[in-house]
Amino acid sequence: MEPAGSDRSLEPMPGRSIRIARIAGIPVGVSPWWLVIVALITWSLGTSYFPEEIAGLTPAVGYLLGLTSALLLFASILAHEFGHAIVARRHGIEIEEIDLWLLGGVSKMRGEAQEPGSELRYALAGPLVTAAIAACFAVVAVLLPAGTPRVIVALVDYQLAVNVLIFAFNLIPAFPLDGGRVLRSVLWERWGDHDRATTAAARIGRGFGYLLIGLGVLEFAAGGAAGLWLSVIGVFVVVAAGAQAMSSKIEAALSGITAAQLMSAPAVSIDSSMSIGEAVAQYFLPYRYTAFPVVDGQGRAIGLLPLATAERLAGRHETSITVGAVAETDPTLLIHESDDVAALLGVSAFVRVGRAVVVDGQRVPVGLLSITDVQRALRASALAGDRDGADQSPPARPPASPRSEVRHLAPPRGR
């Protein structure tokens, strides 16, 4: 099944995805947990479904058919996600990656729909693709001649049944399932309030998740092993719905706040040609910062060097490894002064590294923006919200002093 739906705020379970392909310009990855569910499906189908459907089936053939069915299932899920991704991209939403993981698939998106109609269209795109796949298998099942080997019939029947199940499950109006997104778009259109619609859809999603947990517990208590899996899905829905509601509140609090307003300045940059040992001695020790922008020979930012990387390499090959060779160079970690901070929270690299380099129009570092900076802004926003009549707009950044205009500082001398 594919209960994860499609959302940039939903991250797969622990374990970074492994990039396996790029389709239509969109990276595709698989989580190590994906191997777990493929193995479970292969084992389940190979020991129960196919032996029951095909008399005299050997274990080896049963497991091979199980693996084939599992891969076809995930191919259908991948097509489902591409349905979401392609339509979302046509509405101006950037697709970072599509991941296959423990509970199906998830499309990592940067940005949100700007109007209810856009969200409705890309929320329905995935289920429509799944419906088309199910229809194709239904046609094949009907057109198979009477003498078709039972192996093929069993394969087709399973794919038809599982795609119908994915279609029906995802259209349940419980956030963050696709049906919940459809519900949010309808409420958004009716109320004209995105945050209120999100809160309502998330509340319904949590209720549905608790229902799944309860049904799963009852099923498991009655001796049905499937109840455990149902409860796991329920827990996921509860957690994901709550996370989405919180994400919406955070984005509302940070909406309109730019990177320049929250960044720590000025930027102290390290040249990419410097060795790790020199960087530690001349930057990390005297400044005691947790990260530094990394620049090329022209002073333009190419990434950043976190303290954790320097610690990992300290004492080992310090003179032979350059800063540029080990710096975090994901281009999404370079953000402009005018970039919206709320959108940055949807950038996977920023969430992973915990900071980004703020650059000017010439790609010269002017500051660093960290998760801590964002958290301070959120706490200040919450404090302002608790005061009746308080102005909740972010305070303007004080005028830059001559020192804060320095773009590329040299390390302090004699230290």
Protein backbone atom coordinates (compact mmCIF):
# COMPACT_ATOMS: atom_id res chain seq x y z
CA MET A 1 0.00 0.00 0.00
CA GLU A 2 1.03 3.62 -0.31
CA PRO A 3 -0.30 5.40 2.75
CA ALA A 4 2.44 7.99 2.68
CA GLY A 5 0.81 9.89 -0.13
CA SER A 6 2.87 12.80 -1.43
CA ASP A 7 4.21 15.53 0.74
CA ARG A 8 7.44 17.41 1.08
CA SER A 9 7.11 17.36 4.87
CA LEU A 10 7.02 13.60 5.13
CA GLU A 11 10.43 12.05 5.46
CA PRO A 12 11.07 8.32 5.13
CA MET A 13 12.09 6.36 8.18
CA PRO A 14 15.71 6.58 9.36
CA GLY A 15 18.28 5.67 6.76
CA ARG A 16 19.13 7.92 3.85
CA SER A 17 17.75 6.95 0.48
CA ILE A 18 19.96 5.43 -2.17
CA ARG A 19 19.64 7.15 -5.54
CA ILE A 20 18.84 4.55 -8.22
CA ALA A 21 17.60 6.51 -11.22
CA ARG A 22 16.46 9.82 -12.65
CA ILE A 23 13.19 9.71 -14.57
CA ALA A 24 11.72 12.75 -16.35
CA GLY A 25 14.32 14.83 -14.55
CA ILE A 26 13.16 13.64 -11.11
CA PRO A 27 15.60 11.66 -8.91
CA VAL A 28 14.30 8.32 -7.64
CA GLY A 29 15.64 6.77 -4.46
CA VAL A 30 14.99 3.76 -2.28
CA SER A 31 15.30 3.63 1.49
CA PRO A 32 17.12 0.69 3.06
CA TRP A 33 13.75 -0.02 4.72
CA TRP A 34 12.31 -0.65 1.26
CA LEU A 35 14.34 -3.85 1.13
CA VAL A 36 12.60 -4.97 4.32
CA ILE A 37 9.10 -4.63 2.91
CA VAL A 38 10.11 -6.23 -0.40
CA ALA A 39 11.48 -9.19 1.54
CA LEU A 40 8.30 -9.44 3.64
CA ILE A 41 6.02 -9.30 0.60
CA THR A 42 8.16 -11.87 -1.21
CA TRP A 43 8.05 -14.21 1.79
CA SER A 44 4.31 -13.73 2.38
CA LEU A 45 3.29 -14.32 -1.24
CA GLY A 46 5.81 -17.12 -1.72
CA THR A 47 4.60 -19.08 1.33
CA SER A 48 0.86 -18.48 1.19
CA TYR A 49 -0.75 -16.79 -1.80
CA PHE A 50 0.98 -18.48 -4.72
CA PRO A 51 1.13 -22.01 -3.19
CA GLU A 52 -2.62 -21.74 -2.54
CA GLU A 53 -3.35 -20.51 -6.06
CA ILE A 54 -1.04 -22.91 -7.92
CA ALA A 55 -1.02 -26.58 -7.02
CA GLY A 56 2.34 -28.32 -6.75
CA LEU A 57 4.37 -25.10 -6.73
CA THR A 58 7.94 -25.48 -5.50
CA PRO A 59 9.20 -23.07 -2.80
CA ALA A 60 11.83 -21.57 -5.12
CA VAL A 61 9.26 -20.74 -7.79
CA GLY A 62 6.86 -19.42 -5.14
CA TYR A 63 9.46 -16.98 -3.82
CA LEU A 64 10.42 -15.94 -7.36
CA LEU A 65 6.77 -15.16 -8.10
CA GLY A 66 6.54 -13.31 -4.77
CA LEU A 67 9.56 -11.16 -5.65
CA THR A 68 8.15 -10.45 -9.11
CA SER A 69 4.84 -9.38 -7.60
CA ALA A 70 6.56 -7.15 -5.03
CA LEU A 71 8.59 -5.38 -7.72
CA LEU A 72 5.49 -4.93 -9.91
CA LEU A 73 3.67 -3.52 -6.90
CA PHE A 74 6.37 -0.94 -6.26
CA ALA A 75 6.48 -0.11 -9.97
CA SER A 76 2.78 0.75 -9.66
CA ILE A 77 3.50 2.87 -6.56
CA LEU A 78 6.30 4.65 -8.41
CA ALA A 79 3.89 5.41 -11.28
CA HIS A 80 1.39 6.70 -8.70
CA GLU A 81 4.02 9.07 -7.30
CA PHE A 82 5.01 10.29 -10.73
CA GLY A 83 1.37 11.13 -11.33
CA HIS A 84 1.52 13.46 -8.32
CA ALA A 85 4.96 14.81 -9.17
CA ILE A 86 4.41 15.66 -12.82
CA VAL A 87 1.12 17.47 -12.20
CA ALA A 88 2.60 19.31 -9.18
CA ARG A 89 5.58 20.38 -11.27
CA ARG A 90 3.24 21.81 -13.89
CA HIS A 91 1.79 23.98 -11.14
CA GLY A 92 5.19 25.40 -10.24
CA ILE A 93 6.08 23.07 -7.35
CA GLU A 94 9.64 21.76 -7.42
CA ILE A 95 10.07 18.00 -6.94
CA GLU A 96 13.24 17.17 -5.02
CA GLU A 97 12.99 13.39 -5.17
CA ILE A 98 10.65 10.41 -5.15
CA ASP A 99 11.48 7.81 -2.52
CA LEU A 100 10.31 4.23 -2.14
CA TRP A 101 10.37 3.17 1.49
CA LEU A 102 8.77 1.00 4.16
CA LEU A 103 5.15 2.05 3.67
CA GLY A 104 5.15 2.70 -0.05
CA GLY A 105 6.25 5.91 -1.69
CA VAL A 106 6.59 9.62 -1.05
CA SER A 107 7.22 12.61 -3.30
CA LYS A 108 9.42 15.25 -1.67
CA MET A 109 8.13 18.62 -2.80
CA ARG A 110 9.46 22.13 -2.26
CA GLY A 111 6.63 24.58 -1.87
CA GLU A 112 2.88 24.31 -1.53
CA ALA A 113 -0.05 24.74 -3.88
CA GLN A 114 -1.00 28.40 -4.14
CA GLU A 115 -4.69 27.73 -4.70
CA PRO A 116 -7.18 24.96 -3.85
CA GLY A 117 -7.65 23.92 -7.46
CA SER A 118 -3.94 23.21 -7.91
CA GLU A 119 -3.81 20.98 -4.84
CA LEU A 120 -6.97 19.16 -5.91
CA ARG A 121 -5.48 18.36 -9.31
CA TYR A 122 -2.16 17.01 -8.10
CA ALA A 123 -3.77 15.18 -5.17
CA LEU A 124 -6.04 13.31 -7.58
CA ALA A 125 -3.30 12.64 -10.15
CA GLY A 126 -1.77 9.74 -8.22
CA PRO A 127 -5.04 7.84 -7.59
CA LEU A 128 -6.03 8.35 -11.23
CA VAL A 129 -2.77 6.72 -12.33
CA THR A 130 -3.43 3.83 -9.95
CA ALA A 131 -6.98 3.52 -11.28
CA ALA A 132 -5.60 3.35 -14.82
CA ILE A 133 -3.15 0.62 -13.81
CA ALA A 134 -5.91 -1.36 -12.11
CA ALA A 135 -8.09 -0.97 -15.20
CA CYS A 136 -5.30 -2.33 -17.40
CA PHE A 137 -4.90 -5.41 -15.20
CA ALA A 138 -8.70 -5.84 -15.19
CA VAL A 139 -8.77 -5.80 -18.98
CA VAL A 140 -5.90 -8.30 -19.12
CA ALA A 141 -7.68 -10.55 -16.61
CA VAL A 142 -10.85 -10.52 -18.72
CA LEU A 143 -9.03 -11.12 -22.01
CA LEU A 144 -6.83 -14.00 -20.81
CA PRO A 145 -7.79 -17.15 -22.76
CA ALA A 146 -9.11 -20.16 -20.89
CA GLY A 147 -5.87 -22.12 -21.24
CA THR A 148 -3.62 -19.44 -19.73
CA PRO A 149 -1.15 -20.91 -17.23
CA ARG A 150 -2.28 -20.49 -13.65
CA VAL A 151 0.98 -18.67 -12.83
CA ILE A 152 0.08 -15.75 -15.09
CA VAL A 153 -3.51 -15.66 -13.87
CA ALA A 154 -2.36 -15.49 -10.24
CA LEU A 155 0.12 -12.69 -11.00
CA VAL A 156 -2.51 -10.62 -12.81
CA ASP A 157 -5.15 -11.21 -10.14
CA TYR A 158 -2.80 -10.08 -7.36
CA GLN A 159 -1.75 -6.89 -9.16
CA LEU A 160 -5.39 -6.07 -9.90
CA ALA A 161 -6.43 -6.59 -6.28
CA VAL A 162 -3.53 -4.67 -4.73
CA ASN A 163 -3.92 -1.68 -7.07
CA VAL A 164 -7.65 -1.49 -6.30
CA LEU A 165 -6.71 -1.56 -2.60
CA ILE A 166 -4.13 1.23 -3.03
CA PHE A 167 -6.68 3.31 -4.94
CA ALA A 168 -9.40 2.87 -2.32
CA PHE A 169 -7.11 3.36 0.68
CA ASN A 170 -5.53 6.55 -0.62
CA LEU A 171 -8.90 8.15 -1.30
CA ILE A 172 -10.02 7.83 2.31
CA PRO A 173 -10.51 11.48 3.42
CA ALA A 174 -7.85 11.35 6.12
CA PHE A 175 -4.77 13.56 5.97
CA PRO A 176 -2.03 12.93 4.81
CA LEU A 177 -3.56 10.39 2.41
CA ASP A 178 -4.51 11.67 -1.02
CA GLY A 179 -8.14 11.72 0.00
CA GLY A 180 -7.20 13.95 2.91
CA ARG A 181 -5.53 16.35 0.50
CA VAL A 182 -8.65 16.37 -1.62
CA LEU A 183 -10.65 17.14 1.53
CA ARG A 184 -8.26 19.96 2.44
CA SER A 185 -8.55 21.50 -1.02
CA VAL A 186 -12.35 21.42 -0.77
CA LEU A 187 -12.33 22.98 2.70
CA TRP A 188 -9.75 25.50 1.57
CA GLU A 189 -11.97 26.51 -1.34
CA ARG A 190 -15.00 26.76 0.93
CA TRP A 191 -13.41 28.62 3.85
CA GLY A 192 -10.71 30.53 2.04
CA ASP A 193 -8.30 29.64 4.84
CA HIS A 194 -5.46 27.21 4.10
CA ASP A 195 -4.36 26.81 7.73
CA ARG A 196 -7.88 26.17 9.02
CA ALA A 197 -8.43 23.59 6.26
CA THR A 198 -5.15 21.89 7.12
CA THR A 199 -6.02 21.71 10.82
CA ALA A 200 -9.43 20.19 10.08
CA ALA A 201 -8.05 17.65 7.60
CA ALA A 202 -5.25 16.70 10.00
CA ARG A 203 -7.73 16.22 12.85
CA ILE A 204 -9.78 13.85 10.69
CA GLY A 205 -6.59 12.07 9.68
CA ARG A 206 -5.57 11.50 13.29
CA GLY A 207 -9.05 10.17 14.09
CA PHE A 208 -8.81 7.72 11.22
CA GLY A 209 -5.35 6.67 12.36
CA TYR A 210 -6.60 5.93 15.88
CA LEU A 211 -9.42 3.91 14.35
CA LEU A 212 -6.89 1.83 12.40
CA ILE A 213 -4.85 1.27 15.56
CA GLY A 214 -7.92 0.09 17.44
CA LEU A 215 -9.03 -2.25 14.66
CA GLY A 216 -5.50 -3.60 14.37
CA VAL A 217 -5.30 -4.33 18.09
CA LEU A 218 -8.64 -6.15 18.00
CA GLU A 219 -7.59 -8.13 14.93
CA PHE A 220 -4.28 -9.09 16.51
CA ALA A 221 -5.98 -10.07 19.78
CA ALA A 222 -8.28 -12.34 17.79
CA GLY A 223 -5.26 -14.12 16.32
CA GLY A 224 -4.94 -12.20 13.07
CA ALA A 225 -1.31 -11.27 12.38
CA ALA A 226 -2.46 -8.68 9.84
CA GLY A 227 -3.75 -6.60 12.75
CA LEU A 228 -0.18 -5.69 13.70
CA TRP A 229 0.48 -4.23 10.25
CA LEU A 230 -2.83 -2.35 10.38
CA SER A 231 -1.81 -0.80 13.70
CA VAL A 232 1.57 0.22 12.27
CA ILE A 233 -0.17 2.04 9.42
CA GLY A 234 -2.49 3.68 11.94
CA VAL A 235 0.44 4.95 14.00
CA PHE A 236 2.02 6.36 10.86
CA VAL A 237 -1.17 8.18 9.88
CA VAL A 238 -1.52 9.68 13.38
CA VAL A 239 2.09 10.86 13.47
CA ALA A 240 2.11 12.14 9.88
CA ALA A 241 -1.18 14.03 10.30
CA GLY A 242 0.13 15.71 13.45
CA ALA A 243 3.42 16.56 11.75
CA GLN A 244 1.61 18.09 8.79
CA ALA A 245 -0.58 20.22 11.05
CA MET A 246 2.51 21.43 12.93
CA SER A 247 4.31 22.08 9.65
CA SER A 248 1.43 24.25 8.50
CA LYS A 249 1.58 26.31 11.71
CA ILE A 250 5.33 26.73 11.39
CA GLU A 251 5.04 27.89 7.78
CA ALA A 252 2.33 30.37 8.75
CA ALA A 253 4.57 31.76 11.50
CA LEU A 254 7.56 32.11 9.16
CA SER A 255 5.71 33.23 6.06
CA GLY A 256 7.21 36.40 4.64
CA ILE A 257 10.39 36.20 6.74
CA THR A 258 13.52 36.23 4.61
CA ALA A 259 16.86 34.57 5.17
CA ALA A 260 18.51 37.98 5.61
CA GLN A 261 16.26 38.71 8.60
CA LEU A 262 17.29 35.58 10.52
CA MET A 263 20.83 34.83 9.39
CA SER A 264 23.92 35.14 11.57
CA ALA A 265 26.29 37.67 10.01
CA PRO A 266 28.92 38.43 8.94
CA ALA A 267 30.10 35.35 7.08
CA VAL A 268 33.57 34.00 7.85
CA SER A 269 34.52 31.93 4.83
CA ILE A 270 37.14 29.24 4.22
CA ASP A 271 38.90 28.86 0.88
CA SER A 272 38.23 25.48 -0.72
CA SER A 273 41.95 24.91 -1.43
CA MET A 274 42.87 25.02 2.27
CA SER A 275 43.69 21.73 4.02
CA ILE A 276 41.52 20.42 6.84
CA GLY A 277 44.37 20.88 9.29
CA GLU A 278 44.72 24.55 8.35
CA ALA A 279 40.96 25.04 8.57
CA VAL A 280 40.89 23.60 12.08
CA ALA A 281 43.85 25.69 13.26
CA GLN A 282 42.90 28.97 11.59
CA TYR A 283 39.10 28.87 11.75
CA PHE A 284 37.41 26.28 13.98
CA LEU A 285 39.72 26.77 16.98
CA PRO A 286 39.88 30.59 17.09
CA TYR A 287 36.28 31.30 15.99
CA ARG A 288 34.56 28.31 17.62
CA TYR A 289 31.78 28.34 15.03
CA THR A 290 29.92 25.14 14.15
CA ALA A 291 30.20 25.67 10.38
CA PHE A 292 31.83 27.92 7.81
CA PRO A 293 30.93 28.83 4.22
CA VAL A 294 33.38 27.42 1.68
CA VAL A 295 34.37 29.61 -1.28
CA ASP A 296 36.32 29.16 -4.49
CA GLY A 297 39.30 31.24 -5.60
CA GLN A 298 37.01 34.12 -6.60
CA GLY A 299 35.28 34.23 -3.22
CA ARG A 300 32.05 32.66 -4.48
CA ALA A 301 30.28 30.17 -2.27
CA ILE A 302 30.40 26.51 -3.24
CA GLY A 303 29.10 24.97 0.00
CA LEU A 304 29.86 24.78 3.70
CA LEU A 305 32.07 22.85 6.10
CA PRO A 306 30.37 21.64 9.32
CA LEU A 307 32.30 21.15 12.54
CA ALA A 308 31.30 17.46 12.56
CA THR A 309 33.23 16.90 9.32
CA ALA A 310 36.34 18.60 10.68
CA GLU A 311 36.11 16.53 13.88
CA ARG A 312 35.80 13.33 11.91
CA LEU A 313 38.95 14.09 9.89
CA ALA A 314 41.00 15.69 12.68
CA GLY A 315 44.30 13.87 13.14
CA ARG A 316 43.83 11.80 9.98
CA HIS A 317 45.17 13.02 6.64
CA GLU A 318 44.69 16.63 7.73
CA THR A 319 47.31 17.89 5.32
CA SER A 320 46.30 15.81 2.30
CA ILE A 321 42.55 16.48 2.33
CA THR A 322 41.29 19.87 1.19
CA VAL A 323 38.23 21.66 2.48
CA GLY A 324 36.66 21.60 -0.97
CA ALA A 325 36.93 17.81 -1.15
CA VAL A 326 34.82 17.22 1.96
CA ALA A 327 32.53 20.27 2.04
CA GLU A 328 28.76 19.94 1.78
CA THR A 329 28.19 21.14 -1.78
CA ASP A 330 24.50 20.46 -2.30
CA PRO A 331 23.34 23.53 -4.31
CA THR A 332 20.16 23.79 -2.21
CA LEU A 333 22.37 24.79 0.74
CA LEU A 334 23.14 28.09 -1.01
CA ILE A 335 20.22 30.45 -0.51
CA HIS A 336 19.66 34.08 -1.43
CA GLU A 337 19.15 36.85 1.09
CA SER A 338 15.56 37.34 -0.10
CA ASP A 339 14.57 33.64 0.02
CA ASP A 340 11.58 32.78 2.19
CA VAL A 341 12.58 30.87 5.32
CA ALA A 342 9.34 28.88 5.35
CA ALA A 343 10.21 27.35 1.97
CA LEU A 344 13.69 26.44 3.25
CA LEU A 345 12.19 24.08 5.83
CA GLY A 346 11.14 21.83 2.96
CA VAL A 347 14.71 21.44 1.70
CA SER A 348 16.01 18.00 2.65
CA ALA A 349 19.67 19.08 2.67
CA PHE A 350 18.94 21.96 5.08
CA VAL A 351 17.07 19.65 7.45
CA ARG A 352 19.91 17.14 7.29
CA VAL A 353 22.85 19.55 7.67
CA GLY A 354 21.06 22.02 9.93
CA ARG A 355 22.28 25.19 8.23
CA ALA A 356 22.64 26.94 4.88
CA VAL A 357 24.88 29.62 3.39
CA VAL A 358 23.17 32.93 2.62
CA VAL A 359 24.64 34.60 -0.48
CA ASP A 360 24.17 37.86 -2.35
CA GLY A 361 23.57 38.32 -6.05
CA GLN A 362 27.20 37.50 -6.87
CA ARG A 363 27.09 34.30 -4.80
CA VAL A 364 29.32 35.82 -2.14
CA PRO A 365 28.54 34.56 1.38
CA VAL A 366 26.92 37.18 3.63
CA GLY A 367 25.83 34.96 6.50
CA LEU A 368 24.75 31.56 7.77
CA LEU A 369 21.19 30.49 8.55
CA SER A 370 20.84 27.60 10.99
CA ILE A 371 18.01 25.55 12.43
CA THR A 372 18.73 27.34 15.71
CA ASP A 373 18.09 30.71 14.05
CA VAL A 374 14.74 29.43 12.78
CA GLN A 375 13.83 28.02 16.19
CA ARG A 376 14.53 31.38 17.84
CA ALA A 377 12.20 33.05 15.35
CA LEU A 378 9.47 30.51 16.06
CA ARG A 379 9.77 31.00 19.81
CA ALA A 380 9.61 34.75 19.37
CA SER A 381 6.55 34.38 17.15
CA ALA A 382 4.84 32.16 19.72
CA LEU A 383 5.66 34.66 22.46
CA ALA A 384 4.23 37.50 20.40
CA GLY A 385 1.11 35.45 19.73
CA ASP A 386 0.53 35.05 23.47
CA ARG A 387 0.33 38.81 23.97
CA ASP A 388 -3.02 40.42 23.22
CA GLY A 389 -2.69 43.04 20.56
CA ALA A 390 1.01 42.41 20.10
CA ASP A 391 2.50 43.07 16.69
CA GLN A 392 3.37 39.60 15.35
CA SER A 393 5.36 40.80 12.39
CA PRO A 394 9.08 39.96 12.61
CA PRO A 395 11.28 42.78 13.81
CA ALA A 396 13.30 44.42 11.10
CA ARG A 397 16.96 43.54 11.11
CA PRO A 398 18.97 46.46 12.51
CA PRO A 399 20.95 48.47 9.98
CA ALA A 400 24.19 46.76 9.09
CA SER A 401 27.27 48.12 10.72
CA PRO A 402 30.43 48.52 8.62
CA ARG A 403 31.71 45.28 10.19
CA SER A 404 28.62 43.31 9.21
CA GLU A 405 29.14 44.32 5.62
CA VAL A 406 32.39 42.36 5.47
CA ARG A 407 31.91 39.46 3.07
CA HIS A 408 35.03 37.36 3.51
CA LEU A 409 37.00 37.76 6.74
CA ALA A 410 40.55 36.71 7.34
CA PRO A 411 41.23 34.67 10.49
CA PRO A 412 42.46 36.66 13.49
CA ARG A 413 46.20 37.10 13.52
CA GLY A 414 48.39 35.53 16.16
CA ARG A 415 45.77 32.99 17.26
